[in-house]
Amino acid sequence: MAGSCAPAIKEGTERRSKAILRLSSQEGVAPGDTLTEKLDFLEEHGFTGLEPHGGNLTGRVEEIQQALQNRDIKISAVVAGFQGFLIAKDPATRKKAMDSVKAILEAAGALGSTGMIVVPAFNHQESLPHRESRKVLVEKLQELGAHAARHNTRVLLEPLNRREAYFLRLLADAAAIAKDSESEGVGIMGDFWHMTWEETSDLGAIISGWDYLYHMHIASRKNRIMPGEDDGDNYVDGFKGLKYIDYQNYISLECGSEGDRRKTIPAAAKLIREQWDMASAF
């Protein structure tokens, strides 16, 4: 329940978290020429989630459903792929966004997805004034959230860093907007890459998202390549936060790689697992 109190912890004891580490990868990050080859690779290395792009997803539902048969891998989130944007000055652009987001949400629901990732606007897109943008966004999310809930999925707001999108940059802001929408079909996600530049604390940011946090992206902290390819990549405080909130959704690779992905992805998975084990839930 939103706004729930933190669990009581006796002095000198460590709370046992119900969090589960579920590794996912964006479809475009995984190596392979076909969807089957990508899934085979991910499954071999212990991944249980796939994050497809929303573009043309409505025409791929049957293909993906068939490819996932008899596998442990499920669809984690669906990333973007919609037209227009939700806080555009132009009403026609806002409508285009609403219509295309709804169509992708239907496909995401059919695939059992955690939710569809939506950025309200990028810096290069002409948006409404900030205060009006927030009001319009909440109104749009009420409608989209209801649509998402009918299809057993949700809209996931993604905060970015200020070089990409100035409107929404902090997990706490995203959670406040989701709260104001008053819709079970609206949640948020976090991205360690963007959090590197915007959040003062990974742990604090994740706890601020609490009941609204349904997905995570991960990349190296400096150059947005594979975790571990930058020196000093560290996610332990963020993982502490995820354990503290009993997070059971996916952590998904969204990054490039300077090396052979058939080697750098297993190495990244190893680093993530090691740091997950290092993180305590307090």
Protein backbone atom coordinates (compact mmCIF):
# COMPACT_ATOMS: atom_id res chain seq x y z
CA MET A 1 0.00 0.00 0.00
CA ALA A 2 1.38 3.43 -0.91
CA GLY A 3 2.79 5.36 2.00
CA SER A 4 3.19 2.22 4.11
CA CYS A 5 5.51 2.38 7.08
CA ALA A 6 9.00 0.93 6.96
CA PRO A 7 9.25 -2.53 8.53
CA ALA A 8 10.38 -2.60 12.12
CA ILE A 9 13.94 -3.77 12.60
CA LYS A 10 15.31 -4.87 15.96
CA GLU A 11 18.64 -3.34 16.92
CA GLY A 12 21.56 -5.55 15.96
CA THR A 13 19.56 -7.67 13.52
CA GLU A 14 19.28 -7.74 9.74
CA ARG A 15 15.81 -7.84 8.23
CA ARG A 16 15.28 -10.76 5.88
CA SER A 17 14.24 -9.34 2.53
CA LYS A 18 11.74 -10.95 0.19
CA ALA A 19 13.50 -9.38 -2.79
CA ILE A 20 14.41 -11.57 -5.76
CA LEU A 21 17.05 -10.83 -8.38
CA ARG A 22 15.51 -11.26 -11.82
CA LEU A 23 17.83 -10.42 -14.69
CA SER A 24 16.44 -9.13 -17.98
CA SER A 25 17.89 -7.71 -21.17
CA GLN A 26 16.52 -5.47 -23.85
CA GLU A 27 15.98 -7.45 -27.02
CA GLY A 28 18.39 -5.24 -28.96
CA VAL A 29 21.17 -5.72 -26.40
CA ALA A 30 21.20 -9.53 -26.47
CA PRO A 31 23.41 -11.11 -29.16
CA GLY A 32 21.84 -13.20 -31.91
CA ASP A 33 20.40 -12.78 -35.37
CA THR A 34 16.94 -14.07 -34.45
CA LEU A 35 14.67 -13.86 -31.43
CA THR A 36 15.24 -17.57 -30.79
CA GLU A 37 19.01 -17.10 -30.76
CA LYS A 38 18.71 -14.17 -28.35
CA LEU A 39 16.45 -16.12 -26.01
CA ASP A 40 18.74 -19.16 -26.12
CA PHE A 41 21.71 -17.00 -25.13
CA LEU A 42 19.91 -15.23 -22.32
CA GLU A 43 18.45 -18.44 -20.94
CA GLU A 44 21.89 -20.08 -20.99
CA HIS A 45 23.22 -17.31 -18.75
CA GLY A 46 20.40 -17.28 -16.23
CA PHE A 47 18.29 -14.37 -17.49
CA THR A 48 14.57 -14.69 -16.91
CA GLY A 49 13.32 -11.52 -18.63
CA LEU A 50 13.25 -10.01 -22.11
CA GLU A 51 12.45 -6.34 -22.76
CA PRO A 52 11.21 -5.77 -26.33
CA HIS A 53 10.75 -2.40 -28.02
CA GLY A 54 7.21 -1.14 -28.37
CA GLY A 55 7.57 -0.25 -32.04
CA ASN A 56 5.59 -2.76 -34.11
CA LEU A 57 4.89 -4.79 -30.96
CA THR A 58 1.22 -5.01 -31.85
CA GLY A 59 2.20 -7.08 -34.89
CA ARG A 60 4.62 -9.33 -32.96
CA VAL A 61 2.47 -10.66 -30.13
CA GLU A 62 1.96 -14.12 -31.61
CA GLU A 63 5.62 -14.39 -32.67
CA ILE A 64 6.85 -13.56 -29.17
CA GLN A 65 4.30 -15.78 -27.45
CA GLN A 66 5.40 -18.74 -29.55
CA ALA A 67 9.10 -18.01 -28.97
CA LEU A 68 8.56 -17.97 -25.18
CA GLN A 69 6.76 -21.32 -25.05
CA ASN A 70 8.49 -23.87 -22.77
CA ARG A 71 11.00 -21.26 -21.57
CA ASP A 72 11.68 -19.75 -18.17
CA ILE A 73 12.02 -16.29 -19.75
CA LYS A 74 9.06 -13.90 -19.56
CA ILE A 75 8.49 -10.42 -20.94
CA SER A 76 9.70 -7.89 -18.38
CA ALA A 77 8.86 -4.37 -19.54
CA VAL A 78 8.16 -2.98 -23.00
CA VAL A 79 10.25 0.05 -23.89
CA ALA A 80 8.59 3.02 -25.61
CA GLY A 81 7.89 2.78 -29.35
CA PHE A 82 4.94 5.17 -29.30
CA GLN A 83 4.34 8.23 -31.48
CA GLY A 84 4.01 11.80 -30.26
CA PHE A 85 4.48 12.65 -26.58
CA LEU A 86 2.11 13.19 -23.69
CA ILE A 87 2.87 16.80 -22.68
CA ALA A 88 3.17 18.32 -26.16
CA LYS A 89 1.96 21.86 -26.81
CA ASP A 90 0.17 20.53 -29.87
CA PRO A 91 -3.11 18.73 -28.94
CA ALA A 92 -2.86 16.54 -32.05
CA THR A 93 0.57 15.33 -30.92
CA ARG A 94 -0.82 14.52 -27.47
CA LYS A 95 -3.68 12.55 -29.03
CA LYS A 96 -1.26 10.64 -31.24
CA ALA A 97 0.67 9.69 -28.11
CA MET A 98 -2.46 8.58 -26.27
CA ASP A 99 -3.66 6.41 -29.14
CA SER A 100 -0.31 4.74 -29.77
CA VAL A 101 0.45 4.18 -26.08
CA LYS A 102 -2.95 2.50 -25.65
CA ALA A 103 -2.27 0.15 -28.57
CA ILE A 104 1.14 -0.85 -27.18
CA LEU A 105 -0.33 -1.33 -23.71
CA GLU A 106 -2.78 -3.84 -25.16
CA ALA A 107 0.09 -5.80 -26.72
CA ALA A 108 2.11 -5.54 -23.49
CA GLY A 109 -0.82 -6.93 -21.54
CA ALA A 110 -1.27 -9.81 -23.98
CA LEU A 111 2.40 -10.68 -23.40
CA GLY A 112 2.11 -10.54 -19.61
CA SER A 113 4.47 -7.58 -19.39
CA THR A 114 5.25 -5.72 -16.18
CA GLY A 115 4.47 -2.48 -17.98
CA MET A 116 5.25 -0.08 -20.80
CA ILE A 117 8.03 2.46 -20.28
CA VAL A 118 6.97 6.02 -21.10
CA VAL A 119 9.03 9.22 -21.07
CA PRO A 120 6.66 12.23 -20.93
CA ALA A 121 8.91 14.36 -23.18
CA PHE A 122 12.51 14.72 -24.29
CA ASN A 123 14.35 18.04 -24.29
CA HIS A 124 14.04 18.52 -28.05
CA GLN A 125 10.24 18.15 -27.95
CA GLU A 126 8.19 21.33 -27.55
CA SER A 127 6.23 20.85 -24.33
CA LEU A 128 3.66 22.77 -22.35
CA PRO A 129 4.93 25.01 -19.51
CA HIS A 130 6.18 22.91 -16.59
CA ARG A 131 3.23 23.40 -14.22
CA GLU A 132 0.69 22.82 -16.99
CA SER A 133 2.68 19.82 -18.20
CA ARG A 134 2.36 18.13 -14.84
CA LYS A 135 -1.39 18.77 -14.66
CA VAL A 136 -1.95 17.44 -18.19
CA LEU A 137 0.29 14.44 -17.56
CA VAL A 138 -1.65 13.41 -14.46
CA GLU A 139 -4.91 13.69 -16.40
CA LYS A 140 -3.53 11.60 -19.27
CA LEU A 141 -2.16 9.01 -16.86
CA GLN A 142 -5.56 8.58 -15.25
CA GLU A 143 -6.94 7.55 -18.62
CA LEU A 144 -3.92 5.49 -19.63
CA GLY A 145 -3.71 3.85 -16.22
CA ALA A 146 -7.31 2.70 -16.43
CA HIS A 147 -6.65 1.31 -19.92
CA ALA A 148 -3.47 -0.43 -18.75
CA ALA A 149 -5.23 -1.98 -15.75
CA ARG A 150 -7.96 -3.38 -18.01
CA HIS A 151 -5.21 -5.16 -19.91
CA ASN A 152 -3.38 -6.37 -16.79
CA THR A 153 -0.31 -4.19 -17.22
CA ARG A 154 0.71 -0.61 -16.38
CA VAL A 155 2.34 2.58 -17.61
CA LEU A 156 5.87 3.01 -16.20
CA LEU A 157 7.15 6.58 -15.99
CA GLU A 158 10.91 6.81 -16.54
CA PRO A 159 12.95 9.70 -15.12
CA LEU A 160 15.96 10.60 -17.29
CA ASN A 161 19.00 12.80 -16.74
CA ARG A 162 18.76 16.50 -17.60
CA ARG A 163 20.77 16.13 -20.80
CA GLU A 164 17.92 14.06 -22.23
CA ALA A 165 14.77 15.24 -20.46
CA TYR A 166 14.48 18.08 -18.01
CA PHE A 167 10.81 17.62 -17.11
CA LEU A 168 11.16 14.40 -15.10
CA ARG A 169 14.52 13.52 -13.54
CA LEU A 170 13.97 12.05 -10.06
CA LEU A 171 12.31 8.84 -8.91
CA ALA A 172 10.58 10.75 -6.10
CA ASP A 173 8.99 13.12 -8.63
CA ALA A 174 7.85 10.20 -10.78
CA ALA A 175 6.36 8.47 -7.73
CA ALA A 176 4.51 11.67 -6.74
CA ILE A 177 3.01 11.92 -10.23
CA ALA A 178 2.02 8.24 -10.14
CA LYS A 179 0.44 8.80 -6.73
CA ASP A 180 -1.52 11.80 -8.00
CA SER A 181 -2.88 9.75 -10.90
CA GLU A 182 -4.62 7.52 -8.34
CA SER A 183 -4.44 4.61 -10.76
CA GLU A 184 -3.24 1.08 -10.12
CA GLY A 185 -2.23 1.06 -13.79
CA VAL A 186 0.50 3.69 -13.29
CA GLY A 187 3.93 2.98 -11.85
CA ILE A 188 7.53 4.08 -12.29
CA MET A 189 10.91 2.65 -13.12
CA GLY A 190 14.49 3.55 -12.26
CA ASP A 191 17.61 3.57 -14.41
CA PHE A 192 21.03 3.37 -12.74
CA TRP A 193 22.60 5.29 -15.62
CA HIS A 194 20.29 8.28 -15.26
CA MET A 195 20.39 8.01 -11.47
CA THR A 196 24.17 8.40 -11.59
CA TRP A 197 23.75 11.99 -12.77
CA GLU A 198 20.58 13.06 -10.97
CA GLU A 199 20.08 11.26 -7.67
CA THR A 200 22.04 12.07 -4.51
CA SER A 201 21.60 8.49 -3.30
CA ASP A 202 20.66 5.30 -5.14
CA LEU A 203 19.30 3.87 -1.92
CA GLY A 204 17.26 6.96 -1.09
CA ALA A 205 15.91 7.26 -4.63
CA ILE A 206 14.73 3.66 -4.72
CA ILE A 207 13.09 3.90 -1.29
CA SER A 208 11.35 7.09 -2.45
CA GLY A 209 9.84 5.07 -5.31
CA TRP A 210 8.73 2.27 -2.97
CA ASP A 211 5.32 0.82 -3.94
CA TYR A 212 5.35 2.48 -7.38
CA LEU A 213 8.67 0.94 -8.57
CA TYR A 214 8.15 -1.92 -11.03
CA HIS A 215 11.24 -2.03 -13.24
CA MET A 216 14.94 -1.13 -13.31
CA HIS A 217 17.46 -0.46 -16.07
CA ILE A 218 21.16 -0.99 -15.54
CA ALA A 219 24.29 0.14 -17.40
CA SER A 220 27.81 1.15 -16.46
CA ARG A 221 27.98 4.27 -14.33
CA LYS A 222 30.19 6.42 -16.59
CA ASN A 223 29.79 5.51 -20.27
CA ARG A 224 26.50 3.58 -20.43
CA ILE A 225 28.18 0.38 -21.54
CA MET A 226 27.95 -3.06 -19.95
CA PRO A 227 28.08 -3.12 -16.13
CA GLY A 228 31.70 -3.82 -15.22
CA GLU A 229 33.17 -2.34 -18.40
CA ASP A 230 33.73 0.96 -16.59
CA ASP A 231 36.13 0.88 -13.65
CA GLY A 232 34.40 1.08 -10.30
CA ASP A 233 30.85 0.22 -11.38
CA ASN A 234 28.99 -0.13 -8.10
CA TYR A 235 25.29 -0.75 -7.51
CA VAL A 236 25.39 -2.05 -3.94
CA ASP A 237 23.54 0.89 -2.35
CA GLY A 238 20.84 0.65 -5.00
CA PHE A 239 20.53 -3.08 -4.42
CA LYS A 240 20.23 -2.39 -0.68
CA GLY A 241 17.26 -0.19 -1.50
CA LEU A 242 15.70 -2.85 -3.72
CA LYS A 243 16.10 -5.42 -0.98
CA TYR A 244 14.65 -3.02 1.58
CA ILE A 245 11.46 -2.56 -0.47
CA ASP A 246 11.25 -6.31 -1.20
CA TYR A 247 11.61 -5.70 -4.94
CA GLN A 248 10.64 -8.73 -7.03
CA ASN A 249 10.57 -7.32 -10.56
CA TYR A 250 13.30 -7.18 -13.20
CA ILE A 251 16.67 -5.46 -13.56
CA SER A 252 17.20 -5.12 -17.30
CA LEU A 253 20.30 -4.36 -19.36
CA GLU A 254 19.94 -1.15 -21.36
CA CYS A 255 23.42 -0.38 -22.62
CA GLY A 256 26.02 -0.79 -25.31
CA SER A 257 29.27 -2.71 -25.02
CA GLU A 258 32.84 -2.08 -26.06
CA GLY A 259 33.57 -5.80 -26.19
CA ASP A 260 32.05 -9.04 -27.44
CA ARG A 261 28.57 -9.18 -25.91
CA ARG A 262 28.78 -12.94 -25.70
CA LYS A 263 31.49 -12.34 -23.11
CA THR A 264 30.55 -8.98 -21.59
CA ILE A 265 26.93 -9.92 -20.81
CA PRO A 266 27.86 -12.99 -18.72
CA ALA A 267 30.53 -10.90 -16.98
CA ALA A 268 27.95 -8.19 -16.24
CA ALA A 269 25.51 -10.79 -14.89
CA LYS A 270 28.27 -12.14 -12.62
CA LEU A 271 29.05 -8.65 -11.28
CA ILE A 272 25.36 -7.89 -10.66
CA ARG A 273 24.87 -11.18 -8.80
CA GLU A 274 27.97 -10.61 -6.68
CA GLN A 275 26.95 -7.08 -5.72
CA TRP A 276 23.36 -8.20 -5.07
CA ASP A 277 24.74 -10.72 -2.58
CA MET A 278 26.86 -7.99 -0.98
CA ALA A 279 23.85 -5.77 -0.38
CA SER A 280 22.01 -6.10 2.90
CA ALA A 281 18.40 -5.10 3.51
CA PHE A 282 19.56 -3.18 6.67
